[in-house]
């Protein structure tokens, strides 16, 4: 989909343009929750704390990747 600045930009085009990024972010968050549940139940609280410490770094890197990937 190519969007020109001279075109009329309505909500349908906005949703169509941003929906893939929103879906990827939702799946990434679900992955983080499920990963935390398995780590806390399987390994223990120390490993769960380690996952919670590194998760913001992974989210920042992922959001930069999403911006570059969907920027076309």
N, C-alpha and C. Protein backbone atom coordinates (compact mmCIF):
# COMPACT_ATOMS: atom_id res chain seq x y z
N UNK A 1 0.84 -1.17 0.00
CA UNK A 1 0.00 0.00 0.00
C UNK A 1 0.89 1.24 0.00
N UNK A 2 0.66 2.09 -0.92
CA UNK A 2 1.45 3.31 -1.03
C UNK A 2 0.56 4.50 -0.69
N UNK A 3 1.00 5.32 0.23
CA UNK A 3 0.24 6.48 0.66
C UNK A 3 0.97 7.73 0.20
N UNK A 4 0.29 8.54 -0.57
CA UNK A 4 0.84 9.81 -1.03
C UNK A 4 0.35 10.91 -0.08
N UNK A 5 1.17 11.93 0.11
CA UNK A 5 0.76 13.04 0.97
C UNK A 5 -0.39 13.84 0.37
N UNK A 6 -0.53 13.76 -0.95
CA UNK A 6 -1.61 14.50 -1.59
C UNK A 6 -2.96 13.79 -1.48
N UNK A 7 -2.96 12.52 -1.08
CA UNK A 7 -4.21 11.77 -0.93
C UNK A 7 -4.94 12.19 0.34
N UNK A 8 -6.24 11.91 0.33
CA UNK A 8 -7.02 12.11 1.54
C UNK A 8 -6.74 10.94 2.47
N UNK A 9 -6.34 11.23 3.69
CA UNK A 9 -5.96 10.19 4.65
C UNK A 9 -7.09 10.05 5.66
N UNK A 10 -7.84 8.96 5.58
CA UNK A 10 -8.97 8.75 6.48
C UNK A 10 -8.65 7.65 7.49
N UNK A 11 -9.63 7.35 8.35
CA UNK A 11 -9.41 6.37 9.41
C UNK A 11 -9.23 4.97 8.86
N UNK A 12 -9.88 4.62 7.78
CA UNK A 12 -9.72 3.29 7.20
C UNK A 12 -8.28 3.06 6.76
N UNK A 13 -7.68 4.04 6.13
CA UNK A 13 -6.29 3.91 5.72
C UNK A 13 -5.35 3.89 6.92
N UNK A 14 -5.68 4.66 7.95
CA UNK A 14 -4.87 4.67 9.15
C UNK A 14 -4.87 3.30 9.82
N UNK A 15 -6.03 2.71 9.98
CA UNK A 15 -6.14 1.39 10.59
C UNK A 15 -5.42 0.35 9.74
N UNK A 16 -5.60 0.42 8.45
CA UNK A 16 -4.95 -0.54 7.55
C UNK A 16 -3.43 -0.41 7.60
N UNK A 17 -2.94 0.77 7.81
CA UNK A 17 -1.51 1.01 7.86
C UNK A 17 -0.90 0.60 9.20
N UNK A 18 -1.64 0.78 10.31
CA UNK A 18 -1.09 0.51 11.63
C UNK A 18 -1.47 -0.86 12.20
N UNK A 19 -2.42 -1.55 11.62
CA UNK A 19 -2.89 -2.82 12.17
C UNK A 19 -1.78 -3.88 12.27
N UNK A 20 -0.91 -4.07 11.28
CA UNK A 20 0.14 -5.08 11.44
C UNK A 20 1.06 -4.81 12.64
N UNK A 21 1.39 -3.57 12.88
CA UNK A 21 2.24 -3.23 14.02
C UNK A 21 1.52 -3.51 15.33
N UNK A 22 0.25 -3.16 15.40
CA UNK A 22 -0.53 -3.41 16.62
C UNK A 22 -0.63 -4.90 16.90
N UNK A 23 -0.87 -5.70 15.88
CA UNK A 23 -0.98 -7.15 16.06
C UNK A 23 0.35 -7.75 16.51
N UNK A 24 1.46 -7.28 15.93
CA UNK A 24 2.77 -7.78 16.34
C UNK A 24 3.07 -7.43 17.80
N UNK A 25 2.71 -6.24 18.22
CA UNK A 25 2.95 -5.84 19.61
C UNK A 25 2.10 -6.67 20.58
N UNK A 26 0.86 -6.97 20.21
CA UNK A 26 -0.01 -7.80 21.06
C UNK A 26 0.57 -9.19 21.21
N UNK A 27 1.02 -9.80 20.10
CA UNK A 27 1.60 -11.13 20.19
C UNK A 27 2.91 -11.12 20.98
N UNK A 28 3.68 -10.07 20.88
CA UNK A 28 4.91 -9.96 21.65
C UNK A 28 4.60 -9.87 23.15
N UNK A 29 3.59 -9.11 23.52
CA UNK A 29 3.21 -9.01 24.93
C UNK A 29 2.67 -10.34 25.45
N UNK A 30 1.87 -11.03 24.64
CA UNK A 30 1.36 -12.35 25.06
C UNK A 30 2.52 -13.32 25.26
N UNK A 31 3.51 -13.28 24.36
CA UNK A 31 4.69 -14.12 24.50
C UNK A 31 5.41 -13.83 25.81
N UNK A 32 5.54 -12.56 26.16
CA UNK A 32 6.21 -12.20 27.40
C UNK A 32 5.48 -12.71 28.64
N UNK A 33 4.17 -12.64 28.63
CA UNK A 33 3.38 -13.12 29.77
C UNK A 33 3.49 -14.64 29.90
N UNK A 34 3.37 -15.34 28.79
CA UNK A 34 3.45 -16.81 28.82
C UNK A 34 4.85 -17.26 29.20
N UNK A 35 5.88 -16.59 28.67
CA UNK A 35 7.26 -16.91 29.02
C UNK A 35 7.50 -16.71 30.52
N UNK A 36 6.99 -15.63 31.07
CA UNK A 36 7.14 -15.39 32.51
C UNK A 36 6.44 -16.44 33.35
N UNK A 37 5.28 -16.89 32.91
CA UNK A 37 4.56 -17.92 33.66
C UNK A 37 5.32 -19.25 33.65
N UNK A 38 5.85 -19.63 32.49
CA UNK A 38 6.60 -20.89 32.42
C UNK A 38 7.91 -20.80 33.21
N UNK A 39 8.60 -19.67 33.13
CA UNK A 39 9.87 -19.53 33.85
C UNK A 39 9.62 -19.54 35.35
N UNK A 40 8.61 -18.83 35.81
CA UNK A 40 8.37 -18.77 37.26
C UNK A 40 7.92 -20.12 37.80
N UNK A 41 7.14 -20.86 37.04
CA UNK A 41 6.69 -22.17 37.52
C UNK A 41 7.76 -23.24 37.36
N UNK A 42 8.56 -23.14 36.31
CA UNK A 42 9.52 -24.20 36.03
C UNK A 42 10.87 -24.00 36.69
N UNK A 43 11.39 -22.79 36.72
CA UNK A 43 12.75 -22.57 37.19
C UNK A 43 12.77 -21.95 38.59
N UNK A 44 11.95 -20.96 38.82
CA UNK A 44 11.92 -20.36 40.15
C UNK A 44 11.86 -18.84 40.10
N UNK A 45 11.85 -18.27 41.28
CA UNK A 45 11.65 -16.82 41.40
C UNK A 45 12.88 -16.03 40.96
N UNK A 46 14.09 -16.57 41.14
CA UNK A 46 15.29 -15.84 40.70
C UNK A 46 15.32 -15.70 39.18
N UNK A 47 14.98 -16.76 38.48
CA UNK A 47 14.95 -16.70 37.01
C UNK A 47 13.83 -15.77 36.54
N UNK A 48 12.71 -15.77 37.23
CA UNK A 48 11.62 -14.88 36.87
C UNK A 48 12.01 -13.42 37.06
N UNK A 49 12.77 -13.13 38.12
CA UNK A 49 13.27 -11.77 38.34
C UNK A 49 14.23 -11.36 37.23
N UNK A 50 15.05 -12.30 36.77
CA UNK A 50 15.98 -12.00 35.68
C UNK A 50 15.23 -11.71 34.38
N UNK A 51 14.17 -12.45 34.12
CA UNK A 51 13.35 -12.20 32.93
C UNK A 51 12.70 -10.83 33.02
N UNK A 52 12.23 -10.46 34.19
CA UNK A 52 11.60 -9.15 34.37
C UNK A 52 12.60 -8.00 34.26
N UNK A 53 13.85 -8.24 34.57
CA UNK A 53 14.86 -7.20 34.43
C UNK A 53 15.25 -6.96 32.97
N UNK A 54 15.29 -8.02 32.17
CA UNK A 54 15.73 -7.88 30.78
C UNK A 54 14.58 -7.56 29.84
N UNK A 55 13.35 -7.79 30.24
CA UNK A 55 12.20 -7.59 29.35
C UNK A 55 12.07 -6.15 28.84
N UNK A 56 12.29 -5.10 29.64
CA UNK A 56 12.20 -3.74 29.07
C UNK A 56 13.22 -3.50 27.95
N UNK A 57 14.41 -4.06 28.08
CA UNK A 57 15.42 -3.92 27.03
C UNK A 57 14.94 -4.60 25.75
N UNK A 58 14.38 -5.79 25.89
CA UNK A 58 13.86 -6.50 24.72
C UNK A 58 12.70 -5.76 24.08
N UNK A 59 11.85 -5.15 24.88
CA UNK A 59 10.72 -4.40 24.33
C UNK A 59 11.19 -3.15 23.58
N UNK A 60 12.23 -2.49 24.09
CA UNK A 60 12.77 -1.32 23.39
C UNK A 60 13.37 -1.73 22.06
N UNK A 61 14.17 -2.80 22.06
CA UNK A 61 14.76 -3.28 20.81
C UNK A 61 13.68 -3.74 19.83
N UNK A 62 12.66 -4.41 20.35
CA UNK A 62 11.56 -4.86 19.50
C UNK A 62 10.78 -3.70 18.90
N UNK A 63 10.55 -2.67 19.69
CA UNK A 63 9.79 -1.53 19.16
C UNK A 63 10.59 -0.79 18.10
N UNK A 64 11.89 -0.70 18.25
CA UNK A 64 12.73 -0.10 17.19
C UNK A 64 12.67 -0.94 15.93
N UNK A 65 12.72 -2.25 16.10
CA UNK A 65 12.62 -3.15 14.95
C UNK A 65 11.26 -3.06 14.27
N UNK A 66 10.19 -2.93 15.05
CA UNK A 66 8.86 -2.77 14.47
C UNK A 66 8.75 -1.49 13.68
N UNK A 67 9.34 -0.41 14.22
CA UNK A 67 9.29 0.88 13.50
C UNK A 67 10.03 0.80 12.18
N UNK A 68 11.19 0.18 12.19
CA UNK A 68 11.96 0.05 10.95
C UNK A 68 11.27 -0.91 9.99
N UNK A 69 10.75 -2.00 10.51
CA UNK A 69 10.11 -3.00 9.66
C UNK A 69 8.83 -2.55 9.00
N UNK A 70 8.06 -1.74 9.68
CA UNK A 70 6.78 -1.31 9.10
C UNK A 70 6.87 0.05 8.46
N UNK A 71 8.04 0.69 8.51
CA UNK A 71 8.20 2.00 7.93
C UNK A 71 8.27 2.00 6.41
N UNK A 72 8.63 0.90 5.84
CA UNK A 72 8.76 0.71 4.39
C UNK A 72 9.65 1.73 3.82
